[in-house]
Protein backbone atom coordinates (compact mmCIF):
# COMPACT_ATOMS: atom_id res chain seq x y z
CA UNK A 1 16.97 -20.28 -1.31
CA UNK A 2 14.04 -18.77 -3.22
CA UNK A 3 11.72 -19.28 -0.28
CA UNK A 4 14.03 -17.33 2.01
CA UNK A 5 14.51 -14.54 -0.53
CA UNK A 6 10.80 -14.14 -1.19
CA UNK A 7 10.10 -13.98 2.52
CA UNK A 8 12.78 -11.33 2.91
CA UNK A 9 11.20 -9.17 0.20
CA UNK A 10 7.85 -9.22 1.96
CA UNK A 11 9.23 -8.94 5.48
CA UNK A 12 11.53 -6.05 4.61
CA UNK A 13 8.65 -4.19 2.97
CA UNK A 14 6.44 -4.77 6.02
CA UNK A 15 9.15 -3.57 8.38
CA UNK A 16 10.10 -0.53 6.32
CA UNK A 17 8.16 2.31 7.90
CA UNK A 18 5.11 0.30 8.86
CA UNK A 19 5.80 0.14 12.59
CA UNK A 20 6.00 3.87 13.24
CA UNK A 21 4.29 5.05 16.39
CA UNK A 22 1.27 7.27 15.88
CA UNK A 23 1.93 10.95 16.50
CA UNK A 24 -0.36 12.96 18.82
CA UNK A 25 -3.37 14.29 16.90
CA UNK A 26 -3.30 18.03 16.13
CA UNK A 27 -6.91 19.21 16.43
CA UNK A 28 -6.33 22.26 14.25
CA UNK A 29 -4.82 20.16 11.46
CA UNK A 30 -7.61 17.62 11.80
CA UNK A 31 -10.31 20.30 11.49
CA UNK A 32 -8.58 21.82 8.46
CA UNK A 33 -8.32 18.40 6.78
CA UNK A 34 -12.02 17.71 7.42
CA UNK A 35 -12.96 21.11 6.02
CA UNK A 36 -10.80 20.75 2.91
CA UNK A 37 -12.10 17.23 2.32
CA UNK A 38 -15.49 18.86 1.86
CA UNK A 39 -14.05 21.61 -0.36
CA UNK A 40 -15.31 24.26 2.04
CA UNK A 41 -13.74 27.66 2.53
CA UNK A 42 -13.21 28.97 6.06
CA UNK A 43 -16.29 31.15 5.57
CA UNK A 44 -18.45 28.21 4.44
CA UNK A 45 -17.30 25.94 7.27
CA UNK A 46 -17.76 28.66 9.87
CA UNK A 47 -21.29 29.39 8.63
CA UNK A 48 -22.10 25.66 8.61
CA UNK A 49 -20.89 25.34 12.22
CA UNK A 50 -22.42 28.58 13.46
CA UNK A 51 -19.02 29.99 14.45
CA UNK A 52 -17.23 33.21 13.59
CA UNK A 53 -14.74 32.88 10.74
CA UNK A 54 -12.00 34.28 12.98
CA UNK A 55 -12.76 31.65 15.65
CA UNK A 56 -12.48 28.80 13.18
CA UNK A 57 -9.26 30.24 11.78
CA UNK A 58 -7.72 30.40 15.27
CA UNK A 59 -8.78 26.80 15.97
CA UNK A 60 -7.20 25.57 12.74
CA UNK A 61 -3.98 27.47 13.44
CA UNK A 62 -3.74 26.27 17.04
CA UNK A 63 -4.17 29.78 18.41
CA UNK A 64 -7.04 28.87 20.72
CA UNK A 65 -8.47 25.82 22.47
CA UNK A 66 -12.16 25.52 21.61
CA UNK A 67 -14.77 25.09 24.33
CA UNK A 68 -16.92 21.96 24.33
CA UNK A 69 -19.78 24.04 22.93
CA UNK A 70 -17.57 25.11 20.02
CA UNK A 71 -16.45 21.52 19.46
CA UNK A 72 -20.05 20.39 19.41
CA UNK A 73 -20.94 23.07 16.84
CA UNK A 74 -17.92 22.08 14.74
CA UNK A 75 -18.88 18.42 14.78
CA UNK A 76 -22.48 19.17 13.88
CA UNK A 77 -21.39 21.48 11.09
CA UNK A 78 -19.06 18.81 9.69
CA UNK A 79 -21.78 16.19 10.20
CA UNK A 80 -19.63 13.98 12.41
CA UNK A 81 -19.54 13.15 16.13
CA UNK A 82 -17.34 15.02 18.61
CA UNK A 83 -15.07 11.95 19.15
CA UNK A 84 -14.43 11.83 15.40
CA UNK A 85 -12.78 15.24 15.66
CA UNK A 86 -10.06 13.54 17.69
CA UNK A 87 -9.85 10.38 15.60
CA UNK A 88 -7.18 10.27 12.89
CA UNK A 89 -8.00 8.89 9.43
CA UNK A 90 -8.16 5.08 9.27
CA UNK A 91 -4.65 3.57 9.50
CA UNK A 92 -3.12 7.02 9.35
CA UNK A 93 -3.67 6.99 5.62
CA UNK A 94 -2.19 9.97 3.80
CA UNK A 95 -4.33 11.37 0.99
CA UNK A 96 -2.85 12.30 -2.36
CA UNK A 97 0.61 10.76 -2.03
CA UNK A 98 2.37 9.33 -5.07
CA UNK A 99 5.72 8.02 -6.21
CA UNK A 100 6.97 7.11 -9.67
CA UNK A 101 9.64 4.57 -10.59
CA UNK A 102 11.21 5.08 -14.01
CA UNK A 103 11.77 2.02 -16.17
CA UNK A 104 14.84 0.09 -15.08
CA UNK A 105 15.40 2.22 -11.97
CA UNK A 106 13.78 -0.02 -9.37
CA UNK A 107 15.90 -1.61 -6.63
CA UNK A 108 17.33 -4.96 -7.75
CA UNK A 109 17.14 -8.19 -5.78
CA UNK A 110 18.71 -11.10 -7.66
CA UNK A 111 18.40 -14.79 -6.78
CA UNK A 112 19.19 -18.03 -8.57
CA UNK A 113 15.62 -18.25 -9.89
CA UNK A 114 14.43 -14.65 -10.27
CA UNK A 115 15.70 -11.14 -10.91
CA UNK A 116 13.41 -8.83 -8.92
CA UNK A 117 13.03 -5.10 -9.48
CA UNK A 118 11.25 -3.48 -6.54
CA UNK A 119 8.91 -0.63 -7.47
CA UNK A 120 7.89 2.34 -5.29
CA UNK A 121 10.53 1.18 -2.82
CA UNK A 122 10.91 4.51 -1.04
CA UNK A 123 7.20 4.97 -0.32
CA UNK A 124 6.62 4.21 3.36
CA UNK A 125 3.52 2.65 4.94
CA UNK A 126 2.66 0.80 1.76
CA UNK A 127 -0.11 -1.78 1.87
CA UNK A 128 1.13 -3.41 -1.34
CA UNK A 129 4.55 -4.53 -2.54
CA UNK A 130 4.78 -4.15 -6.35
CA UNK A 131 7.74 -5.57 -8.26
CA UNK A 132 8.74 -6.82 -11.66
CA UNK A 133 10.48 -10.16 -11.96
CA UNK A 134 12.51 -11.80 -14.68
CA UNK A 135 11.86 -15.53 -14.32
CA UNK A 136 15.12 -17.42 -14.80
CA UNK A 137 14.02 -20.80 -13.42
CA UNK A 138 13.16 -23.52 -15.93
CA UNK A 139 12.32 -26.34 -13.53
CA UNK A 140 10.76 -26.85 -10.12
CA UNK A 141 13.96 -28.63 -9.15
CA UNK A 142 15.65 -25.22 -8.97
CA UNK A 143 13.55 -24.22 -5.96
CA UNK A 144 14.17 -25.17 -2.36
CA UNK A 145 10.53 -25.92 -1.59
CA UNK A 146 7.43 -23.75 -1.91
CA UNK A 147 7.31 -20.00 -1.49
CA UNK A 148 4.82 -19.04 1.23
CA UNK A 149 4.09 -15.70 2.88
CA UNK A 150 1.24 -13.77 4.50
CA UNK A 151 -1.19 -11.78 2.41
CA UNK A 152 -2.60 -12.16 -1.08
CA UNK A 153 -0.76 -11.90 -4.37
CA UNK A 154 -1.51 -10.78 -7.92
CA UNK A 155 0.58 -11.94 -10.88
CA UNK A 156 0.47 -10.50 -14.42
CA UNK A 157 2.53 -11.85 -17.33
CA UNK A 158 4.34 -9.06 -19.22
CA UNK A 159 6.38 -11.11 -21.72
CA UNK A 160 7.10 -14.76 -22.45
CA UNK A 161 5.30 -17.84 -21.19
CA UNK A 162 5.32 -19.10 -17.60
CA UNK A 163 3.97 -22.01 -15.66
CA UNK A 164 2.45 -21.20 -12.27
CA UNK A 165 2.76 -24.04 -9.77
CA UNK A 166 0.59 -23.92 -6.64
CA UNK A 167 0.21 -26.23 -3.70
CA UNK A 168 -3.47 -27.04 -4.20
CA UNK A 169 -4.02 -26.68 -7.96
CA UNK A 170 -2.71 -28.18 -11.16
CA UNK A 171 0.08 -26.16 -12.85
CA UNK A 172 -1.23 -23.38 -15.10
CA UNK A 173 0.49 -22.18 -18.27
CA UNK A 174 0.18 -18.42 -18.64
CA UNK A 175 1.05 -16.08 -21.51
CA UNK A 176 1.37 -12.35 -22.03
CA UNK A 177 -1.69 -10.58 -20.64
CA UNK A 178 -2.75 -13.50 -18.43
CA UNK A 179 -3.10 -12.89 -14.70
CA UNK A 180 -3.70 -14.79 -11.47
CA UNK A 181 -4.76 -13.77 -7.97
CA UNK A 182 -4.08 -16.17 -5.11
CA UNK A 183 -3.45 -16.67 -1.41
CA UNK A 184 0.21 -16.01 -0.63
CA UNK A 185 0.14 -18.55 2.20
CA UNK A 186 -0.50 -21.28 -0.37
CA UNK A 187 2.77 -22.68 -1.67
CA UNK A 188 3.63 -21.28 -5.10
CA UNK A 189 6.47 -21.05 -7.62
CA UNK A 190 6.84 -19.79 -11.19
CA UNK A 191 9.08 -21.02 -14.00
CA UNK A 192 9.63 -19.85 -17.59
CA UNK A 193 8.60 -22.31 -20.30
CA UNK A 194 9.36 -20.01 -23.26
CA UNK A 195 12.76 -19.93 -24.91
CA UNK A 196 13.48 -16.52 -23.42
CA UNK A 197 13.15 -15.58 -19.76
CA UNK A 198 9.60 -14.45 -18.99
CA UNK A 199 8.88 -11.13 -17.29
CA UNK A 200 6.02 -10.73 -14.84
CA UNK A 201 4.53 -8.10 -12.56
CA UNK A 202 3.87 -9.20 -8.99
CA UNK A 203 1.86 -7.26 -6.41
CA UNK A 204 1.83 -8.65 -2.86
CA UNK A 205 -0.41 -7.31 -0.10
CA UNK A 206 1.32 -6.28 3.11
CA UNK A 207 -1.71 -6.31 5.44
């Protein structure tokens, strides 16, 4: 049961907005982003590229299609190659995005062994899945086999005491402030060994 639930958490996160098709590249937007990434004004960028300020402004606003000579000047001014003008940022990464999840307002996913609270759930194209978990399990017998999934995983103990079981290592007792980083494909489970349910932060990679 736990194995299936854990897989669903990771799979749902991977499928939520990560398979979007790339949109056609807007040259004007791309040039503006490159200029702003260097903190250049239109005047500074135009001077650097040897173009008129009005020409650069029209290119950025899609009001004119630059000649190859203008593209070459632009690329040289930005210190990149001409093909890079038409290449989007790696993985379509968006700069400066952020989302906050207030305490207790994450999406809940409850199983027989854990109470998960998904964090940053509405942020698309995530490369990490962060979530808090209240560990209810007290014995390995409560799990239906190992949890396994793609990617790597980071675990941090927030409260209580846990025991981390892994497929290839001896069980490890962990207390508040302790952390572990491990391969998600390696079988793993966590139980509480303190009187109260332990609370942990989990971060799972989605790439």
